[in-house]
């Protein structure tokens, strides 16, 4: 039987797994034993059974009640993480809030609420400035290793900012939900185009994750 060039090229390469890439699993290749806190995973050498897993109490309850579909096995920093997908139904919307929690977004204070709570961003901004200087030095070297390190560092910086913003937004939403209020946000659409700044503050403004 005649093989196509594409088939020959694909079948001639051995199957390899890169350490930093997630390995997806579905229900046919992975099963959870929630009571025993173990999981069974299919591998190239057969089923690996009785693997212990852990997590926060609330996370484990959500996993047992709403676990769905695909899970991703990831190795980060020498530790293995099994990232599970959960599908949680949305709660009823509060269509008649008793009031509104105002939120003012800024660079010095990432978020300040009308209740007087402030989420300071000075430490984050200092770290972002250090990251920006390091990235600039690496880009000036024009070597392959420097470009690879700069790309890796940029990803780390983005994940840190996303994590901090997520935690702040969760606290604000939880407070509004607890008090039966809605959330009022200022409109910042087009702020980058409207602002006319010199280079140092302009760089800070463009790296501001207000969205």
N, C-alpha and C. Protein backbone atom coordinates (compact mmCIF):
# COMPACT_ATOMS: atom_id res chain seq x y z
N UNK A 1 0.85 -1.18 0.00
CA UNK A 1 0.00 0.00 0.00
C UNK A 1 0.89 1.24 0.00
N UNK A 2 0.57 2.20 -0.86
CA UNK A 2 1.37 3.42 -0.98
C UNK A 2 1.08 4.35 0.18
N UNK A 3 2.14 4.79 0.84
CA UNK A 3 2.02 5.73 1.94
C UNK A 3 2.32 7.15 1.44
N UNK A 4 1.59 8.11 1.97
CA UNK A 4 1.86 9.49 1.61
C UNK A 4 3.13 9.96 2.30
N UNK A 5 3.68 11.01 1.74
CA UNK A 5 4.91 11.56 2.33
C UNK A 5 4.66 12.07 3.75
N UNK A 6 3.49 12.65 3.96
CA UNK A 6 3.16 13.15 5.29
C UNK A 6 3.03 12.01 6.30
N UNK A 7 2.41 10.90 5.89
CA UNK A 7 2.25 9.75 6.79
C UNK A 7 3.60 9.14 7.13
N UNK A 8 4.47 9.04 6.12
CA UNK A 8 5.80 8.46 6.33
C UNK A 8 6.61 9.32 7.30
N UNK A 9 6.51 10.64 7.14
CA UNK A 9 7.27 11.54 8.01
C UNK A 9 6.74 11.48 9.45
N UNK A 10 5.42 11.39 9.60
CA UNK A 10 4.83 11.36 10.95
C UNK A 10 5.09 10.04 11.65
N UNK A 11 4.95 8.94 10.92
CA UNK A 11 5.13 7.62 11.53
C UNK A 11 6.60 7.30 11.80
N UNK A 12 7.50 8.02 11.16
CA UNK A 12 8.92 7.77 11.38
C UNK A 12 9.49 8.45 12.60
N UNK A 13 8.70 9.33 13.24
CA UNK A 13 9.17 10.02 14.42
C UNK A 13 8.68 9.32 15.68
N UNK A 14 9.55 9.09 16.65
CA UNK A 14 9.11 8.46 17.90
C UNK A 14 8.23 9.41 18.71
N UNK A 15 7.32 8.86 19.50
CA UNK A 15 6.46 9.65 20.36
C UNK A 15 7.25 10.09 21.58
N UNK A 16 7.30 11.39 21.83
CA UNK A 16 8.06 11.92 22.96
C UNK A 16 7.13 12.85 23.76
N UNK A 17 7.46 13.02 25.04
CA UNK A 17 6.70 13.89 25.91
C UNK A 17 7.65 14.95 26.48
N UNK A 18 7.28 16.21 26.31
CA UNK A 18 8.09 17.30 26.87
C UNK A 18 7.66 17.55 28.31
N UNK A 19 8.63 17.79 29.18
CA UNK A 19 8.35 17.89 30.61
C UNK A 19 7.44 19.06 30.95
N UNK A 20 7.57 20.18 30.26
CA UNK A 20 6.83 21.38 30.62
C UNK A 20 5.47 21.49 29.93
N UNK A 21 5.06 20.46 29.22
CA UNK A 21 3.79 20.51 28.49
C UNK A 21 2.75 19.67 29.23
N UNK A 22 1.52 20.17 29.32
CA UNK A 22 0.44 19.46 30.00
C UNK A 22 0.03 18.24 29.19
N UNK A 23 -0.25 17.14 29.90
CA UNK A 23 -0.74 15.92 29.27
C UNK A 23 -2.22 15.78 29.57
N UNK A 24 -3.09 15.89 28.56
CA UNK A 24 -4.53 15.84 28.82
C UNK A 24 -5.03 14.41 29.04
N UNK A 25 -6.00 14.28 29.94
CA UNK A 25 -6.66 13.01 30.22
C UNK A 25 -8.16 13.23 30.21
N UNK A 26 -8.89 12.22 29.72
CA UNK A 26 -10.35 12.25 29.84
C UNK A 26 -10.79 11.09 30.72
N UNK A 27 -12.11 10.85 30.82
CA UNK A 27 -12.63 9.84 31.73
C UNK A 27 -12.23 8.42 31.34
N UNK A 28 -11.79 8.22 30.10
CA UNK A 28 -11.36 6.87 29.69
C UNK A 28 -9.97 6.54 30.20
N UNK A 29 -9.17 7.58 30.53
CA UNK A 29 -7.78 7.36 30.92
C UNK A 29 -7.48 7.78 32.35
N UNK A 30 -8.49 8.25 33.05
CA UNK A 30 -8.28 8.73 34.41
C UNK A 30 -9.57 8.56 35.21
N UNK A 31 -9.45 8.07 36.43
CA UNK A 31 -10.63 7.93 37.29
C UNK A 31 -10.29 8.38 38.71
N UNK A 32 -11.25 9.08 39.31
CA UNK A 32 -11.07 9.61 40.66
C UNK A 32 -11.73 8.69 41.67
N UNK A 33 -11.06 8.46 42.80
CA UNK A 33 -11.65 7.79 43.95
C UNK A 33 -11.67 8.81 45.09
N UNK A 34 -12.78 9.57 45.17
CA UNK A 34 -12.83 10.72 46.06
C UNK A 34 -12.78 10.31 47.53
N UNK A 35 -13.44 9.22 47.90
CA UNK A 35 -13.44 8.81 49.30
C UNK A 35 -12.04 8.43 49.78
N UNK A 36 -11.31 7.73 48.92
CA UNK A 36 -9.95 7.28 49.27
C UNK A 36 -8.89 8.34 48.98
N UNK A 37 -9.29 9.45 48.30
CA UNK A 37 -8.34 10.50 47.90
C UNK A 37 -7.23 9.93 47.03
N UNK A 38 -7.60 9.07 46.10
CA UNK A 38 -6.63 8.51 45.17
C UNK A 38 -7.16 8.67 43.75
N UNK A 39 -6.26 8.54 42.80
CA UNK A 39 -6.63 8.64 41.40
C UNK A 39 -5.88 7.56 40.62
N UNK A 40 -6.51 7.02 39.60
CA UNK A 40 -5.89 6.02 38.72
C UNK A 40 -5.64 6.66 37.36
N UNK A 41 -4.42 6.55 36.87
CA UNK A 41 -4.02 7.22 35.63
C UNK A 41 -3.45 6.18 34.66
N UNK A 42 -3.90 6.26 33.43
CA UNK A 42 -3.36 5.37 32.40
C UNK A 42 -2.03 5.94 31.89
N UNK A 43 -1.01 5.07 31.81
CA UNK A 43 0.31 5.46 31.32
C UNK A 43 0.72 4.52 30.19
N UNK A 44 1.85 4.81 29.58
CA UNK A 44 2.34 3.93 28.51
C UNK A 44 2.74 2.56 29.04
N UNK A 45 2.93 2.44 30.35
CA UNK A 45 3.28 1.15 30.96
C UNK A 45 2.06 0.47 31.59
N UNK A 46 0.87 1.04 31.37
CA UNK A 46 -0.34 0.46 31.94
C UNK A 46 -0.95 1.39 32.98
N UNK A 47 -1.96 0.89 33.69
CA UNK A 47 -2.65 1.71 34.69
C UNK A 47 -1.79 1.90 35.94
N UNK A 48 -1.70 3.15 36.37
CA UNK A 48 -1.03 3.49 37.62
C UNK A 48 -2.12 3.80 38.63
N UNK A 49 -2.31 2.90 39.60
CA UNK A 49 -3.44 3.00 40.52
C UNK A 49 -2.99 3.44 41.91
N UNK A 50 -3.95 3.99 42.66
CA UNK A 50 -3.71 4.35 44.05
C UNK A 50 -2.80 5.54 44.24
N UNK A 51 -2.77 6.47 43.27
CA UNK A 51 -1.94 7.66 43.40
C UNK A 51 -2.67 8.67 44.30
N UNK A 52 -2.04 9.07 45.39
CA UNK A 52 -2.68 9.98 46.33
C UNK A 52 -2.74 11.41 45.76
N UNK A 53 -3.82 12.11 46.04
CA UNK A 53 -3.93 13.51 45.66
C UNK A 53 -4.51 14.29 46.84
N UNK A 54 -4.27 15.58 46.84
CA UNK A 54 -4.76 16.42 47.93
C UNK A 54 -5.14 17.79 47.39
N UNK A 55 -5.73 18.59 48.25
CA UNK A 55 -6.16 19.93 47.90
C UNK A 55 -6.87 20.54 49.08
N UNK A 56 -7.26 21.79 48.95
CA UNK A 56 -8.01 22.43 50.02
C UNK A 56 -9.39 21.78 50.14
N UNK A 57 -9.95 21.85 51.35
CA UNK A 57 -11.23 21.18 51.61
C UNK A 57 -12.32 21.65 50.65
N UNK A 58 -12.41 22.95 50.43
CA UNK A 58 -13.42 23.47 49.52
C UNK A 58 -13.21 23.02 48.10
N UNK A 59 -11.94 22.95 47.67
CA UNK A 59 -11.64 22.49 46.31
C UNK A 59 -12.02 21.03 46.12
N UNK A 60 -11.76 20.21 47.13
CA UNK A 60 -12.09 18.79 47.03
C UNK A 60 -13.60 18.56 46.97
N UNK A 61 -14.36 19.37 47.71
CA UNK A 61 -15.81 19.27 47.66
C UNK A 61 -16.34 19.65 46.28
N UNK A 62 -15.79 20.71 45.71
CA UNK A 62 -16.21 21.14 44.36
C UNK A 62 -15.86 20.07 43.33
N UNK A 63 -14.68 19.47 43.45
CA UNK A 63 -14.25 18.43 42.52
C UNK A 63 -15.17 17.22 42.58
N UNK A 64 -15.53 16.80 43.80
CA UNK A 64 -16.40 15.63 43.94
C UNK A 64 -17.79 15.89 43.41
N UNK A 65 -18.28 17.13 43.54
CA UNK A 65 -19.66 17.44 43.14
C UNK A 65 -19.78 17.88 41.69
N UNK A 66 -18.73 18.51 41.15
CA UNK A 66 -18.88 19.13 39.83
C UNK A 66 -17.77 18.76 38.85
N UNK A 67 -16.98 17.73 39.16
CA UNK A 67 -15.91 17.34 38.23
C UNK A 67 -16.44 16.95 36.88
N UNK A 68 -15.83 17.48 35.81
CA UNK A 68 -16.31 17.23 34.45
C UNK A 68 -15.15 17.06 33.49
N UNK A 69 -15.29 16.12 32.58
CA UNK A 69 -14.44 16.07 31.39
C UNK A 69 -12.95 15.97 31.63
N UNK A 70 -12.21 16.80 30.91
CA UNK A 70 -10.77 16.67 30.80
C UNK A 70 -10.02 17.17 32.02
N UNK A 71 -8.91 16.49 32.33
CA UNK A 71 -7.97 16.92 33.36
C UNK A 71 -6.59 16.99 32.72
N UNK A 72 -5.76 17.91 33.20
CA UNK A 72 -4.43 18.11 32.66
C UNK A 72 -3.39 17.79 33.72
N UNK A 73 -2.44 16.93 33.36
CA UNK A 73 -1.33 16.58 34.25
C UNK A 73 -0.13 17.44 33.88
N UNK A 74 0.35 18.22 34.86
CA UNK A 74 1.41 19.19 34.60
C UNK A 74 2.51 19.04 35.64
N UNK A 75 3.76 19.13 35.20
CA UNK A 75 4.91 19.13 36.11
C UNK A 75 5.49 20.54 36.14
N UNK A 76 5.44 21.16 37.32
CA UNK A 76 5.97 22.51 37.48
C UNK A 76 6.86 22.57 38.71
N UNK A 77 8.10 22.98 38.51
CA UNK A 77 9.02 23.10 39.62
C UNK A 77 9.30 21.79 40.33
N UNK A 78 9.28 20.68 39.60
CA UNK A 78 9.53 19.38 40.19
C UNK A 78 8.33 18.78 40.91
N UNK A 79 7.17 19.47 40.89
CA UNK A 79 5.96 18.96 41.52
C UNK A 79 4.90 18.68 40.45
N UNK A 80 4.08 17.66 40.72
CA UNK A 80 3.04 17.28 39.76
C UNK A 80 1.69 17.84 40.19
N UNK A 81 1.00 18.45 39.23
CA UNK A 81 -0.33 19.01 39.48
C UNK A 81 -1.32 18.39 38.50
N UNK A 82 -2.45 17.96 39.03
CA UNK A 82 -3.53 17.42 38.20
C UNK A 82 -4.64 18.46 38.19
N UNK A 83 -4.76 19.18 37.09
CA UNK A 83 -5.70 20.29 36.98
C UNK A 83 -7.01 19.76 36.41
N UNK A 84 -8.03 19.75 37.24
CA UNK A 84 -9.32 19.17 36.86
C UNK A 84 -10.29 20.27 36.41
N UNK A 85 -11.15 19.93 35.47
CA UNK A 85 -12.17 20.84 34.99
C UNK A 85 -13.47 20.60 35.74
N UNK A 86 -14.06 21.65 36.29
CA UNK A 86 -15.32 21.56 37.02
C UNK A 86 -16.34 22.49 36.37
N UNK A 87 -17.55 22.03 36.23
CA UNK A 87 -18.63 22.83 35.65
C UNK A 87 -19.63 23.13 36.76
N UNK A 88 -19.65 24.37 37.22
CA UNK A 88 -20.49 24.77 38.34
C UNK A 88 -21.63 25.65 37.82
N UNK A 89 -22.86 25.31 38.10
CA UNK A 89 -23.99 26.14 37.65
C UNK A 89 -23.96 27.51 38.30
N UNK A 90 -24.33 28.53 37.54
CA UNK A 90 -24.34 29.88 38.07
C UNK A 90 -25.49 30.08 39.05
N UNK A 91 -25.24 30.88 40.07
CA UNK A 91 -26.29 31.20 41.02
C UNK A 91 -27.25 32.23 40.45
N UNK A 92 -28.34 32.44 41.15
CA UNK A 92 -29.33 33.42 40.71
C UNK A 92 -28.76 34.83 40.82
N UNK A 93 -29.05 35.65 39.82
CA UNK A 93 -28.55 37.01 39.81
C UNK A 93 -29.33 37.87 40.81
N UNK A 94 -28.61 38.79 41.43
CA UNK A 94 -29.24 39.75 42.33
C UNK A 94 -29.75 40.92 41.49
N UNK A 95 -30.99 40.84 41.06
CA UNK A 95 -31.56 41.87 40.18
C UNK A 95 -32.06 43.10 40.93
N UNK A 96 -32.12 43.03 42.26
CA UNK A 96 -32.58 44.17 43.06
C UNK A 96 -31.59 44.42 44.21
N UNK A 97 -30.40 44.93 43.89
CA UNK A 97 -29.42 45.18 44.97
C UNK A 97 -29.89 46.31 45.89
N UNK A 98 -29.48 46.22 47.14
CA UNK A 98 -29.86 47.25 48.12
C UNK A 98 -29.01 48.51 47.95
N UNK A 99 -27.98 48.43 47.19
CA UNK A 99 -27.09 49.56 46.95
C UNK A 99 -25.94 49.11 46.07
N UNK A 100 -24.91 49.93 45.96
CA UNK A 100 -23.78 49.59 45.11
C UNK A 100 -22.47 49.84 45.86
N UNK A 101 -21.53 48.94 45.62
CA UNK A 101 -20.18 49.07 46.14
C UNK A 101 -19.32 49.69 45.04
N UNK A 102 -18.92 50.94 45.25
CA UNK A 102 -18.11 51.63 44.25
C UNK A 102 -16.66 51.17 44.30
N UNK A 103 -16.06 50.98 43.13
CA UNK A 103 -14.67 50.53 43.04
C UNK A 103 -13.90 51.48 42.13
N UNK A 104 -12.86 52.09 42.66
CA UNK A 104 -12.00 53.00 41.91
C UNK A 104 -10.70 52.28 41.62
N UNK A 105 -10.33 52.18 40.35
CA UNK A 105 -9.12 51.48 39.93
C UNK A 105 -7.98 52.46 39.75
N UNK A 106 -6.77 52.05 40.12
CA UNK A 106 -5.63 52.94 39.99
C UNK A 106 -4.33 52.18 39.91
N UNK A 107 -3.24 52.90 39.78
CA UNK A 107 -1.91 52.31 39.68
C UNK A 107 -1.27 52.18 41.06
N UNK A 108 -1.33 53.27 41.86
CA UNK A 108 -0.79 53.21 43.22
C UNK A 108 -1.63 52.27 44.08
N UNK A 109 -2.95 52.46 44.05
CA UNK A 109 -3.88 51.54 44.68
C UNK A 109 -4.61 50.78 43.57
N UNK A 110 -4.38 49.48 43.49
CA UNK A 110 -4.99 48.69 42.41
C UNK A 110 -6.50 48.84 42.42
N UNK A 111 -7.08 48.80 43.63
CA UNK A 111 -8.52 48.98 43.76
C UNK A 111 -8.80 49.60 45.12
N UNK A 112 -9.71 50.57 45.12
CA UNK A 112 -10.16 51.20 46.37
C UNK A 112 -11.68 51.22 46.33
N UNK A 113 -12.30 50.69 47.37
CA UNK A 113 -13.76 50.59 47.41
C UNK A 113 -14.36 51.76 48.18
N UNK A 114 -15.66 51.96 48.00
CA UNK A 114 -16.37 53.02 48.70
C UNK A 114 -16.50 52.73 50.19
N UNK A 115 -16.20 51.51 50.62
CA UNK A 115 -16.19 51.17 52.03
C UNK A 115 -14.88 51.55 52.71
N UNK A 116 -13.91 52.05 51.94
CA UNK A 116 -12.63 52.45 52.50
C UNK A 116 -11.55 51.40 52.41
N UNK A 117 -11.83 50.27 51.80
CA UNK A 117 -10.81 49.22 51.67
C UNK A 117 -9.91 49.53 50.48
N UNK A 118 -8.60 49.46 50.71
CA UNK A 118 -7.63 49.75 49.65
C UNK A 118 -6.72 48.55 49.43
N UNK A 119 -6.46 48.27 48.17
CA UNK A 119 -5.54 47.20 47.79
C UNK A 119 -4.32 47.86 47.17
N UNK A 120 -3.28 48.05 47.97
CA UNK A 120 -2.09 48.81 47.57
C UNK A 120 -1.31 48.06 46.50
N UNK A 121 -0.78 48.82 45.53
CA UNK A 121 -0.03 48.21 44.44
C UNK A 121 1.43 48.60 44.41
N UNK A 122 1.96 49.26 45.48
CA UNK A 122 3.34 49.72 45.45
C UNK A 122 4.33 48.56 45.32
N UNK A 123 4.11 47.50 46.11
CA UNK A 123 5.02 46.36 46.04
C UNK A 123 4.96 45.70 44.67
N UNK A 124 3.76 45.62 44.12
CA UNK A 124 3.60 45.01 42.79
C UNK A 124 4.29 45.86 41.73
N UNK A 125 4.14 47.19 41.84
CA UNK A 125 4.76 48.07 40.86
C UNK A 125 6.28 48.02 40.94
N UNK A 126 6.84 47.91 42.17
CA UNK A 126 8.29 47.78 42.30
C UNK A 126 8.78 46.49 41.64
N UNK A 127 8.05 45.40 41.87
CA UNK A 127 8.43 44.13 41.27
C UNK A 127 8.30 44.18 39.75
N UNK A 128 7.26 44.87 39.26
CA UNK A 128 7.07 44.99 37.82
C UNK A 128 8.19 45.80 37.20
N UNK A 129 8.68 46.84 37.91
CA UNK A 129 9.80 47.65 37.42
C UNK A 129 11.07 46.81 37.36
N UNK A 130 11.31 45.97 38.38
CA UNK A 130 12.47 45.09 38.36
C UNK A 130 12.39 44.10 37.19
N UNK A 131 11.20 43.56 36.96
CA UNK A 131 11.03 42.63 35.84
C UNK A 131 11.28 43.32 34.51
N UNK A 132 10.80 44.56 34.40
CA UNK A 132 10.97 45.29 33.14
C UNK A 132 12.45 45.58 32.88
N UNK A 133 13.21 45.95 33.92
CA UNK A 133 14.65 46.21 33.75
C UNK A 133 15.40 44.93 33.37
N UNK A 134 15.04 43.82 34.01
CA UNK A 134 15.69 42.55 33.67
C UNK A 134 15.39 42.15 32.24
N UNK A 135 14.12 42.30 31.82
CA UNK A 135 13.74 41.95 30.47
C UNK A 135 14.47 42.82 29.44
N UNK A 136 14.66 44.11 29.77
CA UNK A 136 15.38 45.01 28.86
C UNK A 136 16.84 44.59 28.71
N UNK A 137 17.48 44.20 29.80
CA UNK A 137 18.88 43.76 29.74
C UNK A 137 19.02 42.49 28.92
N UNK A 138 18.07 41.56 29.09
CA UNK A 138 18.13 40.30 28.35
C UNK A 138 17.92 40.53 26.85
N UNK A 139 17.02 41.46 26.52
CA UNK A 139 16.75 41.73 25.10
C UNK A 139 17.94 42.38 24.41
N UNK A 140 18.75 43.12 25.16
CA UNK A 140 19.90 43.79 24.58
C UNK A 140 21.03 42.82 24.24
N UNK A 141 21.01 41.63 24.81
CA UNK A 141 22.08 40.66 24.56
C UNK A 141 21.93 39.97 23.21
N UNK A 142 20.71 39.84 22.70
CA UNK A 142 20.44 39.27 21.38
C UNK A 142 20.97 37.84 21.24
N UNK A 143 20.96 37.08 22.30
CA UNK A 143 21.36 35.67 22.22
C UNK A 143 20.12 34.80 22.37
N UNK A 144 20.23 33.56 21.91
CA UNK A 144 19.09 32.65 21.97
C UNK A 144 18.69 32.35 23.41
N UNK A 145 19.70 32.12 24.26
CA UNK A 145 19.40 31.81 25.66
C UNK A 145 18.76 33.02 26.36
N UNK A 146 19.22 34.24 26.03
CA UNK A 146 18.65 35.44 26.64
C UNK A 146 17.21 35.64 26.20
N UNK A 147 16.92 35.40 24.92
CA UNK A 147 15.55 35.52 24.43
C UNK A 147 14.64 34.49 25.09
N UNK A 148 15.16 33.27 25.26
CA UNK A 148 14.36 32.22 25.90
C UNK A 148 14.07 32.57 27.36
N UNK A 149 15.09 33.11 28.04
CA UNK A 149 14.89 33.49 29.45
C UNK A 149 13.93 34.67 29.57
N UNK A 150 14.03 35.64 28.65
CA UNK A 150 13.14 36.79 28.68
C UNK A 150 11.69 36.37 28.45
N UNK A 151 11.48 35.44 27.53
CA UNK A 151 10.12 34.94 27.26
C UNK A 151 9.56 34.20 28.47
N UNK A 152 10.39 33.39 29.11
CA UNK A 152 9.97 32.65 30.30
C UNK A 152 9.64 33.60 31.43
N UNK A 153 10.45 34.65 31.60
CA UNK A 153 10.24 35.62 32.67
C UNK A 153 8.99 36.43 32.44
N UNK A 154 8.70 36.76 31.16
CA UNK A 154 7.49 37.52 30.84
C UNK A 154 6.25 36.72 31.19
N UNK A 155 6.28 35.41 30.94
CA UNK A 155 5.15 34.56 31.28
C UNK A 155 4.93 34.50 32.79
N UNK A 156 6.03 34.47 33.54
CA UNK A 156 5.94 34.45 35.01
C UNK A 156 5.35 35.75 35.53
N UNK A 157 5.77 36.87 34.93
CA UNK A 157 5.26 38.18 35.35
C UNK A 157 3.75 38.28 35.08
N UNK A 158 3.32 37.80 33.92
CA UNK A 158 1.90 37.86 33.57
C UNK A 158 1.06 36.99 34.50
N UNK A 159 1.58 35.82 34.86
CA UNK A 159 0.83 34.93 35.76
C UNK A 159 0.72 35.53 37.16
N UNK A 160 1.78 36.21 37.61
CA UNK A 160 1.74 36.83 38.92
C UNK A 160 0.68 37.94 38.96
N UNK A 161 0.67 38.79 37.94
CA UNK A 161 -0.32 39.88 37.89
C UNK A 161 -1.74 39.33 37.81
N UNK A 162 -1.93 38.29 37.02
CA UNK A 162 -3.26 37.69 36.89
C UNK A 162 -3.73 37.11 38.22
N UNK A 163 -2.82 36.46 38.94
CA UNK A 163 -3.17 35.86 40.22
C UNK A 163 -3.55 36.93 41.24
N UNK A 164 -2.77 38.01 41.31
CA UNK A 164 -3.06 39.08 42.28
C UNK A 164 -4.39 39.74 41.96
N UNK A 165 -4.63 40.06 40.68
CA UNK A 165 -5.89 40.69 40.30
C UNK A 165 -7.08 39.79 40.57
N UNK A 166 -6.90 38.49 40.36
CA UNK A 166 -7.98 37.54 40.61
C UNK A 166 -8.35 37.51 42.09
N UNK A 167 -7.35 37.53 42.96
CA UNK A 167 -7.61 37.50 44.39
C UNK A 167 -8.31 38.77 44.86
N UNK A 168 -7.88 39.91 44.32
CA UNK A 168 -8.51 41.18 44.70
C UNK A 168 -9.96 41.22 44.24
N UNK A 169 -10.21 40.82 42.99
CA UNK A 169 -11.57 40.85 42.47
C UNK A 169 -12.48 39.90 43.23
N UNK A 170 -11.95 38.74 43.66
CA UNK A 170 -12.76 37.80 44.43
C UNK A 170 -13.17 38.41 45.77
N UNK A 171 -12.27 39.13 46.42
CA UNK A 171 -12.58 39.76 47.71
C UNK A 171 -13.66 40.82 47.54
N UNK A 172 -13.57 41.61 46.46
CA UNK A 172 -14.57 42.65 46.22
C UNK A 172 -15.93 42.04 45.92
N UNK A 173 -15.96 41.01 45.08
CA UNK A 173 -17.23 40.35 44.74
C UNK A 173 -17.83 39.69 45.98
N UNK A 174 -17.00 39.06 46.81
CA UNK A 174 -17.51 38.40 48.02
C UNK A 174 -18.13 39.41 48.97
N UNK A 175 -17.51 40.60 49.11
CA UNK A 175 -18.05 41.63 49.99
C UNK A 175 -19.38 42.17 49.45
N UNK A 176 -19.46 42.39 48.14
CA UNK A 176 -20.72 42.86 47.55
C UNK A 176 -21.82 41.82 47.69
N UNK A 177 -21.47 40.57 47.51
CA UNK A 177 -22.46 39.49 47.63
C UNK A 177 -22.93 39.34 49.07
N UNK A 178 -22.00 39.49 50.01
CA UNK A 178 -22.36 39.34 51.43
C UNK A 178 -23.33 40.42 51.88
N UNK A 179 -23.18 41.62 51.35
CA UNK A 179 -24.02 42.74 51.76
C UNK A 179 -25.19 42.99 50.82
N UNK A 180 -25.38 42.13 49.82
CA UNK A 180 -26.52 42.25 48.92
C UNK A 180 -26.44 43.45 47.99
N UNK A 181 -25.22 43.91 47.68
CA UNK A 181 -25.05 45.07 46.82
C UNK A 181 -24.53 44.68 45.44
N UNK A 182 -24.68 45.61 44.50
CA UNK A 182 -24.05 45.46 43.20
C UNK A 182 -22.69 46.14 43.23
N UNK A 183 -21.97 46.09 42.11
CA UNK A 183 -20.63 46.69 42.00
C UNK A 183 -20.66 47.75 40.91
N UNK A 184 -20.20 48.94 41.24
CA UNK A 184 -20.13 50.03 40.28
C UNK A 184 -18.67 50.33 39.96
N UNK A 185 -18.31 50.21 38.68
CA UNK A 185 -16.94 50.44 38.23
C UNK A 185 -16.88 51.66 37.32
N UNK A 186 -15.77 52.39 37.41
CA UNK A 186 -15.57 53.51 36.50
C UNK A 186 -15.25 52.98 35.10
N UNK A 187 -15.57 53.76 34.10
CA UNK A 187 -15.30 53.37 32.72
C UNK A 187 -13.90 53.82 32.33
N UNK A 188 -13.06 52.86 31.95
CA UNK A 188 -11.67 53.17 31.58
C UNK A 188 -11.39 52.85 30.11
N UNK A 189 -12.44 52.63 29.34
CA UNK A 189 -12.26 52.31 27.93
C UNK A 189 -11.55 53.46 27.21
N UNK A 190 -10.49 53.11 26.49
CA UNK A 190 -9.76 54.11 25.72
C UNK A 190 -8.80 54.97 26.50
N UNK A 191 -8.49 54.59 27.76
CA UNK A 191 -7.62 55.44 28.59
C UNK A 191 -6.20 55.52 28.02
N UNK A 192 -5.76 54.46 27.38
CA UNK A 192 -4.40 54.49 26.81
C UNK A 192 -4.32 55.50 25.66
N UNK A 193 -5.40 55.63 24.89
CA UNK A 193 -5.40 56.56 23.78
C UNK A 193 -5.58 58.00 24.26
N UNK A 194 -6.32 58.18 25.37
CA UNK A 194 -6.58 59.54 25.88
C UNK A 194 -5.40 60.13 26.62
N UNK A 195 -4.63 59.28 27.31
CA UNK A 195 -3.53 59.79 28.14
C UNK A 195 -2.34 60.20 27.29
N UNK A 196 -1.77 61.37 27.61
CA UNK A 196 -0.58 61.86 26.92
C UNK A 196 0.51 62.03 27.97
N UNK A 197 1.41 61.06 28.03
CA UNK A 197 2.43 61.05 29.07
C UNK A 197 3.81 60.87 28.46
N UNK A 198 4.84 61.25 29.24
CA UNK A 198 6.22 60.98 28.83
C UNK A 198 6.52 59.50 29.01
N UNK A 199 7.70 59.06 28.57
CA UNK A 199 7.97 57.64 28.47
C UNK A 199 7.88 56.88 29.79
N UNK A 200 8.56 57.30 30.91
CA UNK A 200 8.49 56.47 32.14
C UNK A 200 7.06 56.25 32.63
N UNK A 201 6.23 57.33 32.83
CA UNK A 201 4.86 57.06 33.27
C UNK A 201 4.01 56.38 32.20
N UNK A 202 4.34 56.61 30.92
CA UNK A 202 3.58 55.97 29.85
C UNK A 202 3.78 54.46 29.89
N UNK A 203 5.02 54.03 30.18
CA UNK A 203 5.30 52.60 30.30
C UNK A 203 4.52 51.99 31.45
N UNK A 204 4.46 52.71 32.58
CA UNK A 204 3.71 52.23 33.73
C UNK A 204 2.22 52.13 33.40
N UNK A 205 1.68 53.13 32.69
CA UNK A 205 0.27 53.11 32.32
C UNK A 205 -0.06 51.95 31.41
N UNK A 206 0.80 51.69 30.42
CA UNK A 206 0.52 50.62 29.46
C UNK A 206 0.67 49.24 30.07
N UNK A 207 1.41 49.13 31.18
CA UNK A 207 1.53 47.83 31.86
C UNK A 207 0.51 47.68 32.98
N UNK A 208 -0.36 48.66 33.14
CA UNK A 208 -1.38 48.64 34.19
C UNK A 208 -2.51 47.68 33.79
N UNK A 209 -2.70 46.59 34.51
CA UNK A 209 -3.72 45.60 34.12
C UNK A 209 -5.11 45.97 34.64
N UNK A 210 -5.63 47.16 34.27
CA UNK A 210 -6.90 47.61 34.82
C UNK A 210 -8.08 46.77 34.34
N UNK A 211 -7.93 46.09 33.23
CA UNK A 211 -9.06 45.27 32.72
C UNK A 211 -9.38 44.12 33.68
